[in-house]
N, C-alpha and C. Protein backbone atom coordinates (compact mmCIF):
# COMPACT_ATOMS: atom_id res chain seq x y z
N VAL A 1 -12.46 7.37 -12.29
CA VAL A 1 -11.49 7.05 -13.32
C VAL A 1 -12.17 6.13 -14.32
N PRO A 2 -12.27 6.55 -15.55
CA PRO A 2 -12.89 5.68 -16.56
C PRO A 2 -12.01 4.45 -16.81
N LEU A 3 -12.61 3.28 -16.82
CA LEU A 3 -11.85 2.04 -16.98
C LEU A 3 -11.21 1.91 -18.35
N ASP A 4 -11.76 2.58 -19.37
CA ASP A 4 -11.20 2.46 -20.70
C ASP A 4 -10.17 3.54 -21.00
N ALA A 5 -9.90 4.42 -20.05
CA ALA A 5 -8.94 5.49 -20.26
C ALA A 5 -7.52 4.94 -20.26
N GLU A 6 -6.68 5.50 -21.11
CA GLU A 6 -5.27 5.12 -21.16
C GLU A 6 -4.50 6.10 -20.28
N PRO A 7 -4.05 5.65 -19.10
CA PRO A 7 -3.38 6.56 -18.18
C PRO A 7 -1.99 6.97 -18.65
N ALA A 8 -1.54 8.12 -18.17
CA ALA A 8 -0.19 8.58 -18.47
C ALA A 8 0.81 7.73 -17.71
N MET A 9 2.09 7.84 -18.08
CA MET A 9 3.14 7.13 -17.35
C MET A 9 3.14 7.59 -15.90
N PRO A 10 3.15 6.67 -14.96
CA PRO A 10 3.14 7.07 -13.56
C PRO A 10 4.47 7.64 -13.11
N HIS A 11 4.43 8.48 -12.12
CA HIS A 11 5.65 8.99 -11.49
C HIS A 11 6.40 7.78 -10.94
N PRO A 12 7.73 7.70 -11.09
CA PRO A 12 8.46 6.51 -10.66
C PRO A 12 8.40 6.26 -9.15
N LEU A 13 8.10 7.27 -8.36
CA LEU A 13 8.01 7.10 -6.91
C LEU A 13 6.58 7.36 -6.45
N SER A 14 5.63 6.75 -7.14
CA SER A 14 4.22 6.91 -6.77
C SER A 14 3.66 5.59 -6.26
N ILE A 15 2.75 5.69 -5.32
CA ILE A 15 2.20 4.49 -4.68
C ILE A 15 0.76 4.75 -4.27
N ALA A 16 -0.03 3.70 -4.25
CA ALA A 16 -1.40 3.77 -3.74
C ALA A 16 -1.54 2.71 -2.66
N LEU A 17 -2.15 3.09 -1.56
CA LEU A 17 -2.55 2.13 -0.55
C LEU A 17 -3.95 1.70 -0.91
N LEU A 18 -4.09 0.44 -1.32
CA LEU A 18 -5.41 -0.06 -1.67
C LEU A 18 -6.26 -0.16 -0.41
N PRO A 19 -7.58 -0.16 -0.55
CA PRO A 19 -8.44 -0.24 0.64
C PRO A 19 -8.07 -1.42 1.53
N VAL A 20 -7.96 -1.15 2.81
CA VAL A 20 -7.56 -2.16 3.78
C VAL A 20 -8.68 -3.19 3.93
N ALA A 21 -8.31 -4.45 3.84
CA ALA A 21 -9.28 -5.54 3.99
C ALA A 21 -9.08 -6.20 5.35
N THR A 22 -10.05 -6.99 5.78
CA THR A 22 -9.90 -7.76 7.02
C THR A 22 -10.08 -9.24 6.71
N GLU A 23 -9.35 -10.07 7.44
CA GLU A 23 -9.47 -11.52 7.28
C GLU A 23 -10.83 -11.97 7.79
N PRO A 24 -11.36 -13.06 7.25
CA PRO A 24 -12.60 -13.62 7.80
C PRO A 24 -12.38 -13.96 9.29
N GLY A 25 -13.30 -13.57 10.12
CA GLY A 25 -13.21 -13.86 11.54
C GLY A 25 -12.44 -12.83 12.34
N ALA A 26 -11.79 -11.89 11.67
CA ALA A 26 -11.04 -10.85 12.38
C ALA A 26 -12.02 -9.93 13.09
N GLU A 27 -11.64 -9.49 14.27
CA GLU A 27 -12.48 -8.59 15.06
C GLU A 27 -11.80 -7.23 15.13
N VAL A 28 -11.78 -6.55 13.99
CA VAL A 28 -11.12 -5.26 13.88
C VAL A 28 -12.18 -4.19 13.62
N PRO A 29 -12.40 -3.28 14.59
CA PRO A 29 -13.40 -2.22 14.39
C PRO A 29 -13.02 -1.28 13.25
N ASP A 30 -14.03 -0.73 12.59
CA ASP A 30 -13.80 0.19 11.47
C ASP A 30 -12.88 1.36 11.82
N PRO A 31 -12.99 1.96 13.02
CA PRO A 31 -12.06 3.06 13.34
C PRO A 31 -10.59 2.61 13.36
N VAL A 32 -10.33 1.38 13.76
CA VAL A 32 -8.96 0.86 13.76
C VAL A 32 -8.48 0.67 12.33
N VAL A 33 -9.34 0.15 11.47
CA VAL A 33 -8.99 -0.01 10.05
C VAL A 33 -8.65 1.34 9.45
N ALA A 34 -9.46 2.35 9.73
CA ALA A 34 -9.22 3.70 9.21
C ALA A 34 -7.93 4.28 9.75
N GLU A 35 -7.62 4.03 11.01
CA GLU A 35 -6.38 4.53 11.62
C GLU A 35 -5.16 3.88 11.00
N VAL A 36 -5.22 2.59 10.72
CA VAL A 36 -4.10 1.91 10.07
C VAL A 36 -3.88 2.51 8.68
N ALA A 37 -4.95 2.70 7.92
CA ALA A 37 -4.83 3.28 6.58
C ALA A 37 -4.23 4.69 6.65
N ARG A 38 -4.70 5.50 7.58
CA ARG A 38 -4.19 6.87 7.71
C ARG A 38 -2.71 6.86 8.09
N SER A 39 -2.35 6.03 9.05
CA SER A 39 -0.98 5.97 9.53
C SER A 39 -0.02 5.49 8.45
N VAL A 40 -0.37 4.44 7.73
CA VAL A 40 0.49 3.92 6.66
C VAL A 40 0.63 4.96 5.55
N THR A 41 -0.46 5.62 5.20
CA THR A 41 -0.41 6.65 4.16
C THR A 41 0.53 7.78 4.57
N GLU A 42 0.46 8.23 5.81
CA GLU A 42 1.36 9.28 6.29
C GLU A 42 2.81 8.82 6.26
N GLU A 43 3.06 7.60 6.67
CA GLU A 43 4.44 7.07 6.68
C GLU A 43 4.99 6.98 5.25
N LEU A 44 4.16 6.55 4.30
CA LEU A 44 4.59 6.48 2.90
C LEU A 44 4.93 7.86 2.37
N GLY A 45 4.10 8.85 2.68
CA GLY A 45 4.38 10.22 2.27
C GLY A 45 5.68 10.72 2.87
N GLY A 46 5.97 10.29 4.08
CA GLY A 46 7.21 10.69 4.74
C GLY A 46 8.46 10.14 4.07
N LEU A 47 8.31 9.10 3.25
CA LEU A 47 9.44 8.55 2.50
C LEU A 47 9.72 9.35 1.23
N GLY A 48 8.88 10.32 0.94
CA GLY A 48 9.05 11.09 -0.28
C GLY A 48 8.29 10.51 -1.46
N MET A 49 7.41 9.56 -1.18
CA MET A 49 6.59 8.96 -2.24
C MET A 49 5.41 9.87 -2.57
N ARG A 50 4.98 9.84 -3.80
CA ARG A 50 3.74 10.50 -4.19
C ARG A 50 2.63 9.48 -3.94
N VAL A 51 1.76 9.76 -2.97
CA VAL A 51 0.74 8.80 -2.53
C VAL A 51 -0.60 9.17 -3.17
N ALA A 52 -1.24 8.20 -3.81
CA ALA A 52 -2.53 8.43 -4.46
C ALA A 52 -3.60 8.73 -3.42
N ASP A 53 -4.59 9.47 -3.84
CA ASP A 53 -5.71 9.83 -2.97
C ASP A 53 -6.47 8.58 -2.56
N GLN A 54 -6.71 8.45 -1.26
CA GLN A 54 -7.38 7.27 -0.72
C GLN A 54 -8.81 7.13 -1.26
N ARG A 55 -9.48 8.26 -1.50
CA ARG A 55 -10.86 8.19 -2.02
C ARG A 55 -10.89 7.58 -3.41
N ALA A 56 -9.88 7.89 -4.23
CA ALA A 56 -9.82 7.30 -5.57
C ALA A 56 -9.61 5.79 -5.48
N ALA A 57 -8.75 5.37 -4.56
CA ALA A 57 -8.51 3.93 -4.38
C ALA A 57 -9.78 3.23 -3.91
N LEU A 58 -10.52 3.88 -3.02
CA LEU A 58 -11.78 3.28 -2.53
C LEU A 58 -12.79 3.09 -3.65
N SER A 59 -12.76 3.99 -4.64
CA SER A 59 -13.72 3.88 -5.74
C SER A 59 -13.46 2.63 -6.60
N LEU A 60 -12.26 2.09 -6.53
CA LEU A 60 -11.91 0.90 -7.32
C LEU A 60 -11.99 -0.39 -6.52
N ARG A 61 -12.44 -0.30 -5.28
CA ARG A 61 -12.45 -1.48 -4.40
C ARG A 61 -13.22 -2.62 -5.05
N SER A 62 -12.48 -3.67 -5.34
CA SER A 62 -13.08 -4.83 -5.99
C SER A 62 -12.11 -6.00 -5.93
N ASP A 63 -12.64 -7.17 -5.69
CA ASP A 63 -11.81 -8.36 -5.73
C ASP A 63 -11.56 -8.82 -7.17
N LYS A 64 -12.30 -8.24 -8.10
CA LYS A 64 -12.21 -8.70 -9.48
C LYS A 64 -11.12 -7.97 -10.27
N ILE A 65 -10.65 -6.83 -9.77
CA ILE A 65 -9.60 -6.09 -10.47
C ILE A 65 -8.27 -6.38 -9.77
N PRO A 66 -7.31 -6.96 -10.47
CA PRO A 66 -6.02 -7.25 -9.84
C PRO A 66 -5.35 -5.98 -9.31
N ALA A 67 -4.51 -6.13 -8.31
CA ALA A 67 -3.86 -4.99 -7.67
C ALA A 67 -3.08 -4.15 -8.68
N HIS A 68 -2.32 -4.79 -9.58
CA HIS A 68 -1.53 -4.01 -10.54
C HIS A 68 -2.41 -3.20 -11.47
N GLU A 69 -3.59 -3.73 -11.81
CA GLU A 69 -4.51 -3.00 -12.68
C GLU A 69 -5.13 -1.83 -11.94
N GLN A 70 -5.44 -2.00 -10.65
CA GLN A 70 -5.94 -0.88 -9.86
C GLN A 70 -4.89 0.23 -9.82
N GLY A 71 -3.63 -0.15 -9.66
CA GLY A 71 -2.56 0.84 -9.66
C GLY A 71 -2.44 1.56 -10.98
N ARG A 72 -2.59 0.82 -12.07
CA ARG A 72 -2.53 1.45 -13.40
C ARG A 72 -3.64 2.48 -13.55
N LEU A 73 -4.84 2.10 -13.11
CA LEU A 73 -5.97 3.03 -13.20
C LEU A 73 -5.79 4.26 -12.30
N LEU A 74 -5.09 4.07 -11.18
CA LEU A 74 -4.83 5.19 -10.27
C LEU A 74 -3.63 6.02 -10.70
N GLY A 75 -2.89 5.54 -11.70
CA GLY A 75 -1.75 6.29 -12.21
C GLY A 75 -0.52 6.22 -11.33
N VAL A 76 -0.31 5.07 -10.66
CA VAL A 76 0.85 4.93 -9.78
C VAL A 76 1.74 3.78 -10.25
N ARG A 77 2.98 3.81 -9.81
CA ARG A 77 3.93 2.75 -10.16
C ARG A 77 3.77 1.54 -9.24
N TYR A 78 3.46 1.78 -7.95
CA TYR A 78 3.37 0.70 -6.97
C TYR A 78 2.03 0.72 -6.25
N VAL A 79 1.59 -0.44 -5.81
CA VAL A 79 0.42 -0.52 -4.93
C VAL A 79 0.80 -1.35 -3.71
N LEU A 80 0.25 -0.94 -2.58
CA LEU A 80 0.43 -1.66 -1.34
C LEU A 80 -0.95 -2.13 -0.91
N SER A 81 -1.12 -3.44 -0.84
CA SER A 81 -2.39 -3.99 -0.37
C SER A 81 -2.15 -4.55 1.03
N THR A 82 -3.10 -4.31 1.91
CA THR A 82 -2.97 -4.76 3.29
C THR A 82 -4.23 -5.49 3.73
N THR A 83 -4.03 -6.49 4.56
CA THR A 83 -5.13 -7.24 5.17
C THR A 83 -4.86 -7.30 6.66
N LEU A 84 -5.89 -7.04 7.44
CA LEU A 84 -5.77 -7.06 8.90
C LEU A 84 -6.38 -8.33 9.45
N GLY A 85 -5.72 -8.88 10.45
CA GLY A 85 -6.23 -10.07 11.13
C GLY A 85 -6.11 -9.89 12.62
N GLY A 86 -6.71 -10.78 13.37
CA GLY A 86 -6.65 -10.70 14.83
C GLY A 86 -7.74 -9.81 15.39
N ASN A 87 -7.36 -9.01 16.39
CA ASN A 87 -8.33 -8.09 16.99
C ASN A 87 -7.65 -6.76 17.30
N GLU A 88 -8.39 -5.85 17.85
CA GLU A 88 -7.90 -4.49 18.09
C GLU A 88 -6.65 -4.46 18.97
N ASP A 89 -6.54 -5.35 19.94
CA ASP A 89 -5.41 -5.33 20.86
C ASP A 89 -4.21 -6.13 20.38
N ASP A 90 -4.40 -7.00 19.42
CA ASP A 90 -3.31 -7.82 18.88
C ASP A 90 -3.54 -7.99 17.39
N LEU A 91 -3.16 -6.97 16.64
CA LEU A 91 -3.49 -6.86 15.22
C LEU A 91 -2.35 -7.36 14.35
N ARG A 92 -2.67 -8.21 13.38
CA ARG A 92 -1.70 -8.63 12.36
C ARG A 92 -1.95 -7.80 11.11
N VAL A 93 -0.88 -7.27 10.56
CA VAL A 93 -0.97 -6.51 9.31
C VAL A 93 -0.18 -7.28 8.26
N HIS A 94 -0.88 -7.85 7.29
CA HIS A 94 -0.26 -8.55 6.17
C HIS A 94 -0.20 -7.55 5.01
N ALA A 95 0.97 -7.40 4.40
CA ALA A 95 1.13 -6.41 3.34
C ALA A 95 1.81 -7.03 2.12
N ILE A 96 1.38 -6.55 0.95
CA ILE A 96 1.98 -6.99 -0.32
C ILE A 96 2.24 -5.75 -1.16
N LEU A 97 3.49 -5.61 -1.63
CA LEU A 97 3.87 -4.51 -2.51
C LEU A 97 3.99 -5.04 -3.93
N THR A 98 3.25 -4.43 -4.86
CA THR A 98 3.24 -4.86 -6.25
C THR A 98 3.74 -3.75 -7.15
N ASP A 99 4.58 -4.08 -8.11
CA ASP A 99 5.04 -3.15 -9.13
C ASP A 99 4.01 -3.20 -10.27
N CYS A 100 3.32 -2.12 -10.51
CA CYS A 100 2.25 -2.11 -11.52
C CYS A 100 2.80 -2.19 -12.94
N ALA A 101 4.02 -1.73 -13.16
CA ALA A 101 4.59 -1.77 -14.50
C ALA A 101 4.97 -3.19 -14.91
N THR A 102 5.50 -3.96 -13.98
CA THR A 102 5.93 -5.32 -14.30
C THR A 102 4.94 -6.39 -13.85
N LYS A 103 3.94 -5.99 -13.06
CA LYS A 103 2.92 -6.88 -12.51
C LYS A 103 3.53 -7.88 -11.52
N ARG A 104 4.71 -7.58 -11.00
CA ARG A 104 5.39 -8.49 -10.08
C ARG A 104 5.18 -8.07 -8.64
N ILE A 105 5.04 -9.07 -7.79
CA ILE A 105 5.04 -8.81 -6.35
C ILE A 105 6.49 -8.63 -5.94
N LEU A 106 6.80 -7.46 -5.38
CA LEU A 106 8.17 -7.15 -4.99
C LEU A 106 8.48 -7.57 -3.56
N TRP A 107 7.44 -7.61 -2.73
CA TRP A 107 7.69 -7.85 -1.31
C TRP A 107 6.39 -8.25 -0.63
N LYS A 108 6.52 -9.13 0.38
CA LYS A 108 5.40 -9.51 1.25
C LYS A 108 5.92 -9.49 2.68
N GLY A 109 5.06 -9.12 3.61
CA GLY A 109 5.48 -9.14 5.00
C GLY A 109 4.29 -9.13 5.93
N THR A 110 4.52 -9.56 7.17
CA THR A 110 3.50 -9.54 8.21
C THR A 110 4.09 -8.85 9.43
N PHE A 111 3.30 -7.95 9.99
CA PHE A 111 3.72 -7.19 11.16
C PHE A 111 2.62 -7.25 12.20
N TRP A 112 3.03 -7.19 13.44
CA TRP A 112 2.07 -7.18 14.54
C TRP A 112 1.98 -5.77 15.07
N ARG A 113 0.77 -5.32 15.29
CA ARG A 113 0.53 -3.95 15.76
C ARG A 113 -0.23 -4.04 17.07
N ASN A 114 0.49 -3.88 18.16
CA ASN A 114 -0.11 -3.85 19.48
C ASN A 114 0.00 -2.42 19.99
N PRO A 115 -1.12 -1.77 20.28
CA PRO A 115 -1.08 -0.36 20.67
C PRO A 115 -0.17 -0.08 21.86
N ARG A 116 0.04 -1.07 22.72
CA ARG A 116 0.86 -0.84 23.91
C ARG A 116 2.33 -1.21 23.70
N LEU A 117 2.64 -2.03 22.69
CA LEU A 117 4.00 -2.55 22.59
C LEU A 117 4.79 -2.11 21.36
N SER A 118 4.14 -1.93 20.22
CA SER A 118 4.92 -1.67 19.01
C SER A 118 4.17 -0.74 18.05
N ASP A 119 4.91 -0.29 17.08
CA ASP A 119 4.35 0.56 16.03
C ASP A 119 4.53 -0.17 14.71
N GLY A 120 3.62 -1.11 14.42
CA GLY A 120 3.71 -1.95 13.23
C GLY A 120 3.68 -1.18 11.93
N ASP A 121 2.97 -0.03 11.89
CA ASP A 121 2.88 0.74 10.66
C ASP A 121 4.27 1.26 10.26
N ARG A 122 5.00 1.76 11.24
CA ARG A 122 6.35 2.27 10.95
C ARG A 122 7.26 1.12 10.54
N GLU A 123 7.15 -0.03 11.19
CA GLU A 123 7.96 -1.19 10.82
C GLU A 123 7.69 -1.60 9.38
N LEU A 124 6.43 -1.57 8.98
CA LEU A 124 6.04 -1.92 7.62
C LEU A 124 6.72 -0.99 6.63
N VAL A 125 6.66 0.31 6.89
CA VAL A 125 7.23 1.28 5.95
C VAL A 125 8.76 1.21 5.94
N VAL A 126 9.37 0.95 7.07
CA VAL A 126 10.83 0.77 7.11
C VAL A 126 11.22 -0.42 6.24
N ALA A 127 10.45 -1.49 6.29
CA ALA A 127 10.72 -2.66 5.45
C ALA A 127 10.57 -2.31 3.96
N LEU A 128 9.57 -1.51 3.62
CA LEU A 128 9.37 -1.10 2.23
C LEU A 128 10.54 -0.27 1.73
N ARG A 129 11.16 0.47 2.63
CA ARG A 129 12.30 1.32 2.26
C ARG A 129 13.41 0.48 1.63
N THR A 130 13.51 -0.79 2.03
CA THR A 130 14.58 -1.65 1.51
C THR A 130 14.33 -2.12 0.08
N VAL A 131 13.08 -2.09 -0.38
CA VAL A 131 12.78 -2.58 -1.73
C VAL A 131 12.38 -1.49 -2.71
N LEU A 132 12.00 -0.32 -2.22
CA LEU A 132 11.61 0.77 -3.12
C LEU A 132 12.84 1.57 -3.54
N PRO A 133 12.89 2.03 -4.79
CA PRO A 133 14.06 2.80 -5.27
C PRO A 133 13.97 4.26 -4.82
N LEU A 134 14.19 4.49 -3.54
CA LEU A 134 13.99 5.83 -3.00
C LEU A 134 15.14 6.79 -3.27
N ASP A 135 16.32 6.27 -3.53
CA ASP A 135 17.46 7.14 -3.77
C ASP A 135 17.69 7.25 -5.28
N ARG A 136 17.00 8.20 -5.90
CA ARG A 136 17.08 8.34 -7.35
C ARG A 136 18.44 8.86 -7.81
N LYS A 137 19.26 9.40 -6.91
CA LYS A 137 20.56 9.91 -7.30
C LYS A 137 21.50 8.78 -7.69
N GLU A 138 21.29 7.60 -7.09
CA GLU A 138 22.17 6.48 -7.36
C GLU A 138 21.67 5.57 -8.47
N LYS A 139 20.40 5.67 -8.82
CA LYS A 139 19.82 4.78 -9.82
C LYS A 139 19.18 5.60 -10.93
N GLY A 140 19.37 5.15 -12.15
CA GLY A 140 18.72 5.79 -13.27
C GLY A 140 17.30 5.25 -13.43
N PRO A 141 16.43 5.95 -14.18
CA PRO A 141 15.04 5.49 -14.34
C PRO A 141 14.93 4.07 -14.88
N GLU A 142 15.90 3.65 -15.71
CA GLU A 142 15.83 2.29 -16.25
C GLU A 142 16.06 1.23 -15.18
N GLU A 143 16.61 1.61 -14.02
CA GLU A 143 16.86 0.67 -12.95
C GLU A 143 15.73 0.65 -11.92
N TRP A 144 14.78 1.58 -12.03
CA TRP A 144 13.69 1.63 -11.03
C TRP A 144 12.81 0.47 -11.19
């Protein structure tokens, strides 16, 4: 994606999962990071969201480009950034949902993902359901 390109208006129900980061000192193997990204992406798609291609998001991986700007370049309305902490058996998933049009953080949350006890990815997406305008029949585009 050329950085100087002027993107088209994003679909109102579009989202990108930015590359998953890990906290300093976290002991999270790369396959677990990839599994979290895959699982969250699938759950977002299940909500009826148009999810940006993960490879395109990876191409923009940078601490210097704000999340809302990465979303603008990817052509989406929302971005979800996640950071993993802890270890493989007791994983913390910190998530931030940003509206790229307004540059506002809409929601923040932390979930625990223990392979034996809970499904933190699904909990994360259920929480997002409360803040995303998923029922377009009740809201007009000006309210999204």
